[in-house]
Amino acid sequence: GYMTSRTVREASGLLSLTSTLYLRLRKDDRDASFHCAAHYSLPEGRHDRLDSPTFHLTLH
């Protein structure tokens, strides 16, 4: 699979990030859990991370 990202600087000066994951799932992925994570830089060389709740995909 692969991922695309788009960053937009809003009028407020803040950045908005949109990412899309393209992944071909298999039957083995039926019980897998997924989550999104954003890693970002802060002033003074610090870094932080924001994680989404985990989610499951319904496979038919």
Protein backbone atom coordinates (compact mmCIF):
# COMPACT_ATOMS: atom_id res chain seq x y z
CA GLY A 1 0.00 0.00 0.00
CA TYR A 2 0.91 3.65 0.01
CA MET A 3 -0.12 6.91 1.66
CA THR A 4 -0.66 10.42 0.34
CA SER A 5 -0.53 13.55 2.50
CA ARG A 6 -1.68 17.12 1.95
CA THR A 7 -0.75 20.07 4.18
CA VAL A 8 -2.63 23.39 4.07
CA ARG A 9 -1.67 26.57 5.92
CA GLU A 10 -4.94 28.01 7.21
CA ALA A 11 -5.68 31.75 7.43
CA SER A 12 -4.97 31.48 11.16
CA GLY A 13 -1.41 30.36 10.40
CA LEU A 14 -2.07 26.84 11.69
CA LEU A 15 -1.44 23.81 9.50
CA SER A 16 -4.09 21.24 8.55
CA LEU A 17 -2.90 17.81 7.47
CA THR A 18 -4.93 15.25 5.54
CA SER A 19 -3.54 11.77 4.87
CA THR A 20 -5.07 8.90 2.92
CA LEU A 21 -3.89 5.31 3.19
CA TYR A 22 -4.38 3.09 0.16
CA LEU A 23 -4.14 -0.54 1.21
CA ARG A 24 -5.32 -3.72 -0.46
CA LEU A 25 -6.71 -5.82 2.38
CA ARG A 26 -6.71 -9.60 2.47
CA LYS A 27 -8.87 -12.06 4.37
CA ASP A 28 -6.02 -12.36 6.88
CA ASP A 29 -6.64 -8.70 7.81
CA ARG A 30 -10.21 -9.44 8.96
CA ASP A 31 -9.42 -9.17 12.69
CA ALA A 32 -6.72 -6.51 12.39
CA SER A 33 -7.00 -3.22 14.23
CA PHE A 34 -5.80 0.05 12.73
CA HIS A 35 -5.07 3.55 14.00
CA CYS A 36 -3.74 6.86 12.72
CA ALA A 37 -0.79 8.67 14.27
CA ALA A 38 0.48 12.20 13.70
CA HIS A 39 4.06 13.00 14.71
CA TYR A 40 4.86 16.70 14.83
CA SER A 41 7.59 19.13 15.85
CA LEU A 42 7.23 21.74 18.57
CA PRO A 43 9.36 24.76 19.48
CA GLU A 44 12.75 24.21 21.13
CA GLY A 45 13.35 20.93 19.27
CA ARG A 46 10.60 19.04 21.06
CA HIS A 47 8.34 16.49 19.36
CA ASP A 48 4.91 15.11 20.14
CA ARG A 49 2.47 12.54 18.80
CA LEU A 50 -1.31 12.35 18.51
CA ASP A 51 -2.99 8.94 18.10
CA SER A 52 -6.53 8.17 16.97
CA PRO A 53 -8.58 5.50 18.69
CA THR A 54 -8.14 2.07 17.12
CA PHE A 55 -10.72 0.94 14.59
CA HIS A 56 -11.61 -2.19 12.64
CA LEU A 57 -12.61 -2.50 9.00
CA THR A 58 -15.46 -4.69 7.82
CA LEU A 59 -14.34 -7.09 5.11
CA HIS A 60 -16.85 -8.92 2.92
